[in-house]
Protein backbone atom coordinates (compact mmCIF):
# COMPACT_ATOMS: atom_id res chain seq x y z
CA UNK A 1 28.39 29.00 91.90
CA UNK A 2 32.10 29.66 91.17
CA UNK A 3 31.48 29.13 87.49
CA UNK A 4 28.67 31.45 87.12
CA UNK A 5 30.69 34.07 89.39
CA UNK A 6 33.63 33.77 87.07
CA UNK A 7 31.19 34.40 84.17
CA UNK A 8 29.79 37.47 85.82
CA UNK A 9 33.54 38.85 86.63
CA UNK A 10 34.52 38.30 82.87
CA UNK A 11 31.42 40.29 81.98
CA UNK A 12 32.16 42.94 84.52
CA UNK A 13 35.84 43.28 82.83
CA UNK A 14 34.58 43.36 79.57
CA UNK A 15 31.90 45.95 80.44
CA UNK A 16 34.63 47.99 81.85
CA UNK A 17 36.84 47.97 78.80
CA UNK A 18 33.95 48.64 76.53
CA UNK A 19 32.68 51.64 78.28
CA UNK A 20 32.87 54.48 75.64
CA UNK A 21 34.86 57.17 77.89
CA UNK A 22 37.41 54.71 78.68
CA UNK A 23 37.70 52.71 75.43
CA UNK A 24 38.29 55.92 73.32
CA UNK A 25 40.82 57.21 76.15
CA UNK A 26 42.70 53.70 75.95
CA UNK A 27 42.99 53.70 72.35
CA UNK A 28 44.60 57.29 72.51
CA UNK A 29 46.99 56.50 75.15
CA UNK A 30 47.79 53.18 73.33
CA UNK A 31 48.63 55.24 70.34
CA UNK A 32 50.73 57.50 72.48
CA UNK A 33 52.57 54.79 73.85
CA UNK A 34 53.36 53.59 70.15
CA UNK A 35 55.85 56.73 69.74
CA UNK A 36 58.86 55.57 68.25
CA UNK A 37 61.32 54.65 70.83
CA UNK A 38 65.00 55.45 69.94
CA UNK A 39 66.63 54.88 73.34
CA UNK A 40 68.89 51.89 71.80
CA UNK A 41 69.50 53.98 68.92
CA UNK A 42 70.99 56.86 70.85
CA UNK A 43 73.03 54.56 72.99
CA UNK A 44 74.67 53.20 69.73
CA UNK A 45 75.06 56.87 68.42
CA UNK A 46 76.71 58.11 71.60
CA UNK A 47 79.20 55.27 71.59
CA UNK A 48 79.97 54.96 67.80
CA UNK A 49 79.32 58.54 66.61
CA UNK A 50 80.48 60.67 69.63
CA UNK A 51 82.97 58.19 70.94
CA UNK A 52 81.59 58.26 74.45
CA UNK A 53 83.52 55.74 76.81
CA UNK A 54 82.16 53.27 79.51
CA UNK A 55 82.43 56.02 82.17
CA UNK A 56 80.56 58.60 80.12
CA UNK A 57 77.72 56.13 79.46
CA UNK A 58 77.45 55.29 83.15
CA UNK A 59 77.23 58.78 83.99
CA UNK A 60 74.40 59.21 81.58
CA UNK A 61 72.62 56.53 83.24
CA UNK A 62 73.12 57.84 86.66
CA UNK A 63 71.87 61.32 85.71
CA UNK A 64 68.86 59.78 84.16
CA UNK A 65 68.19 57.96 87.42
CA UNK A 66 68.45 61.20 89.35
CA UNK A 67 65.72 62.33 86.89
CA UNK A 68 63.54 59.46 87.82
CA UNK A 69 64.12 60.15 91.47
CA UNK A 70 63.13 63.82 91.23
CA UNK A 71 60.08 62.93 89.23
CA UNK A 72 58.71 61.03 92.20
CA UNK A 73 59.63 63.81 94.54
CA UNK A 74 57.82 66.67 92.31
CA UNK A 75 54.69 64.08 91.91
CA UNK A 76 54.33 63.73 95.75
CA UNK A 77 54.87 67.22 96.60
CA UNK A 78 54.90 69.84 94.02
CA UNK A 79 52.19 68.23 91.73
CA UNK A 80 49.78 66.35 93.94
CA UNK A 81 46.69 68.19 93.40
CA UNK A 82 47.27 68.73 89.70
CA UNK A 83 44.62 67.42 87.43
CA UNK A 84 45.80 64.63 85.33
CA UNK A 85 44.73 65.71 81.92
CA UNK A 86 46.68 69.15 81.95
CA UNK A 87 49.67 67.36 83.58
CA UNK A 88 49.46 64.55 80.90
CA UNK A 89 49.23 66.95 77.96
CA UNK A 90 52.01 69.40 79.21
CA UNK A 91 54.24 66.70 80.09
CA UNK A 92 53.68 65.04 76.75
CA UNK A 93 54.29 68.35 74.93
CA UNK A 94 57.70 68.59 76.87
CA UNK A 95 58.65 65.19 75.71
CA UNK A 96 57.89 66.26 72.03
CA UNK A 97 60.27 69.36 72.57
CA UNK A 98 62.95 67.16 74.21
CA UNK A 99 62.84 64.65 71.29
CA UNK A 100 63.18 67.55 68.87
CA UNK A 101 66.16 68.98 70.80
CA UNK A 102 68.04 66.00 69.70
CA UNK A 103 68.28 67.52 66.38
CA UNK A 104 70.77 70.14 67.79
CA UNK A 105 73.11 67.16 68.65
CA UNK A 106 72.42 65.49 65.05
CA UNK A 107 73.24 68.51 63.05
CA UNK A 108 76.11 69.50 65.20
CA UNK A 109 74.73 72.77 66.47
CA UNK A 110 75.79 71.98 69.97
CA UNK A 111 79.44 71.66 68.67
CA UNK A 112 78.93 74.80 66.70
CA UNK A 113 77.83 76.82 69.82
CA UNK A 114 80.95 75.57 71.79
CA UNK A 115 78.32 73.72 74.20
CA UNK A 116 79.90 70.45 75.89
CA UNK A 117 78.37 67.71 73.94
CA UNK A 118 78.54 65.45 77.11
CA UNK A 119 76.65 67.93 79.46
CA UNK A 120 74.12 68.40 76.70
CA UNK A 121 73.47 64.59 76.62
CA UNK A 122 73.26 64.82 80.55
CA UNK A 123 70.79 67.56 80.61
CA UNK A 124 68.61 65.81 77.53
CA UNK A 125 68.63 62.47 79.06
CA UNK A 126 67.79 63.43 82.64
CA UNK A 127 65.15 65.75 81.29
CA UNK A 128 63.55 62.91 79.30
CA UNK A 129 63.37 60.65 82.22
CA UNK A 130 62.05 63.10 84.43
CA UNK A 131 59.09 64.15 82.07
CA UNK A 132 58.41 60.62 81.07
CA UNK A 133 57.80 59.81 84.63
CA UNK A 134 55.71 62.91 85.29
CA UNK A 135 53.59 61.66 82.18
CA UNK A 136 53.32 57.96 82.88
CA UNK A 137 52.96 57.58 86.70
CA UNK A 138 49.67 59.69 87.20
CA UNK A 139 48.46 57.63 84.35
CA UNK A 140 49.01 54.26 86.43
CA UNK A 141 47.50 55.99 89.30
CA UNK A 142 44.41 56.80 87.32
CA UNK A 143 44.20 52.93 86.09
CA UNK A 144 44.29 51.95 89.80
CA UNK A 145 41.33 53.96 90.49
CA UNK A 146 39.56 52.62 87.55
CA UNK A 147 39.68 49.05 88.62
CA UNK A 148 36.53 47.61 89.65
CA UNK A 149 36.00 46.37 93.33
CA UNK A 150 37.22 42.65 93.92
CA UNK A 151 39.07 42.67 90.42
CA UNK A 152 41.83 45.04 91.07
CA UNK A 153 44.76 42.89 90.47
CA UNK A 154 43.22 41.31 87.21
CA UNK A 155 42.13 44.79 85.71
CA UNK A 156 45.52 46.64 86.51
CA UNK A 157 47.42 43.68 84.94
CA UNK A 158 45.28 44.33 81.75
CA UNK A 159 46.01 47.93 81.75
CA UNK A 160 49.75 47.59 82.05
CA UNK A 161 49.45 44.73 79.37
CA UNK A 162 48.05 47.22 77.04
CA UNK A 163 50.71 50.09 77.92
CA UNK A 164 53.52 47.47 77.72
CA UNK A 165 52.28 46.25 74.32
CA UNK A 166 52.20 49.55 73.15
CA UNK A 167 55.96 50.22 74.27
CA UNK A 168 56.71 46.98 72.40
CA UNK A 169 55.20 48.52 69.10
CA UNK A 170 56.97 51.54 69.66
CA UNK A 171 60.21 49.60 69.47
CA UNK A 172 59.06 47.76 66.39
CA UNK A 173 57.90 51.05 64.66
CA UNK A 174 61.28 52.65 65.39
CA UNK A 175 63.16 49.46 63.78
CA UNK A 176 60.98 49.76 60.90
CA UNK A 177 61.68 53.60 60.32
CA UNK A 178 65.49 53.13 60.97
CA UNK A 179 65.41 50.37 58.42
CA UNK A 180 63.22 52.50 55.67
CA UNK A 181 65.73 55.42 56.19
CA UNK A 182 68.82 53.49 55.88
CA UNK A 183 69.97 54.18 59.36
CA UNK A 184 72.70 51.64 60.80
CA UNK A 185 75.24 51.49 63.53
CA UNK A 186 77.78 52.90 61.17
CA UNK A 187 75.56 55.56 59.27
CA UNK A 188 73.43 57.95 61.08
CA UNK A 189 72.94 60.57 58.23
CA UNK A 190 69.26 60.02 57.98
CA UNK A 191 68.52 59.74 61.80
CA UNK A 192 67.19 63.24 62.20
CA UNK A 193 64.23 62.21 59.85
CA UNK A 194 63.21 59.47 62.08
CA UNK A 195 63.39 62.01 65.10
CA UNK A 196 61.12 64.46 63.16
CA UNK A 197 58.78 61.47 62.46
CA UNK A 198 58.97 60.44 66.25
CA UNK A 199 58.15 64.35 67.36
CA UNK A 200 55.41 64.90 64.86
CA UNK A 201 53.57 61.52 65.63
CA UNK A 202 53.73 62.19 69.31
CA UNK A 203 52.35 65.64 68.96
CA UNK A 204 49.57 64.49 66.68
CA UNK A 205 48.46 62.29 69.36
CA UNK A 206 48.52 64.69 71.99
CA UNK A 207 46.51 66.99 69.88
CA UNK A 208 43.71 64.40 69.53
CA UNK A 209 43.93 63.82 73.37
CA UNK A 210 43.26 67.39 74.26
CA UNK A 211 39.69 66.86 72.25
CA UNK A 212 38.08 64.95 75.03
CA UNK A 213 37.96 64.35 78.77
CA UNK A 214 39.68 61.80 80.69
CA UNK A 215 37.44 59.04 82.33
CA UNK A 216 36.29 59.84 85.57
CA UNK A 217 36.77 56.91 88.17
CA UNK A 218 33.62 57.68 89.93
CA UNK A 219 31.64 57.57 86.92
CA UNK A 220 33.18 54.31 85.60
CA UNK A 221 34.05 52.10 88.52
CA UNK A 222 31.91 53.60 91.22
CA UNK A 223 29.48 51.61 93.42
CA UNK A 224 27.20 51.30 90.41
CA UNK A 225 27.83 47.90 89.47
CA UNK A 226 25.42 47.87 86.83
CA UNK A 227 27.98 49.48 84.66
CA UNK A 228 29.86 46.27 84.67
CA UNK A 229 27.21 43.62 84.90
CA UNK A 230 25.04 44.89 82.19
CA UNK A 231 21.70 42.74 82.30
CA UNK A 232 22.74 41.24 85.65
CA UNK A 233 22.00 42.45 89.07
CA UNK A 234 24.62 43.61 91.31
CA UNK A 235 23.67 41.01 94.03
CA UNK A 236 24.45 38.03 91.81
CA UNK A 237 28.11 38.76 92.03
CA UNK A 238 28.24 40.62 95.28
CA UNK A 239 26.01 38.53 97.43
CA UNK A 240 27.75 35.32 96.95
CA UNK A 241 30.81 36.61 98.05
CA UNK A 242 29.66 38.16 101.00
CA UNK A 243 27.92 34.90 101.94
CA UNK A 244 31.09 33.02 101.46
CA UNK A 245 32.97 35.74 103.76
CA UNK A 246 30.52 35.42 106.48
CA UNK A 247 30.69 31.48 106.06
CA UNK A 248 34.54 31.84 106.67
CA UNK A 249 33.94 34.34 109.62
CA UNK A 250 31.69 31.80 111.32
CA UNK A 251 34.07 28.79 110.74
């Protein structure tokens, strides 16, 4: 019976990820996660090109942590009732704008306008962390609600694995772009090209994302288990588990 139950649960998970609405959604979100990540590159740029010392770099880390903390407060108070799709798209747009804003730093516009370079980096980094969390945390909340009953841990682990793999590919893609344009720890003259590609790529994925609706948990992972079981009846999975629980309670 345990072997059959495992087979049916695998079919439920397969059915979930093959659901047309969810599959299309995950592909686009995965593509958005693959937006080239330049975090490490900027850390080298700050220390090598801008000559930031350890104290300044630590301060940047601190203000970024403040941005993260403020994002949690905002999500639990001001943005609690906001729908996911508008929040995700708008926060994604701000991420793209903030990525573009790094060009002001690379092209020395900040210095030309007599703006403190350190303060500009504080604002950009804190804002990026703040907006990224506004973008990502509600997405994980949706994934929690999409998990089918009795398979929450396994399914949530698969969601996070998909997103983490997308983030890993984002680092690989960024490395390839840096290699192609000849950006090194001693030569940042073409980094602006990589920043433009990063921003345009993210904006393109967001444009695609606006063309369809986000999956509805009630539709995909509600009480209707037939969505996940296909040709199998619901009681083939639910009934054995209920009987097992009753046996344990009687013992």
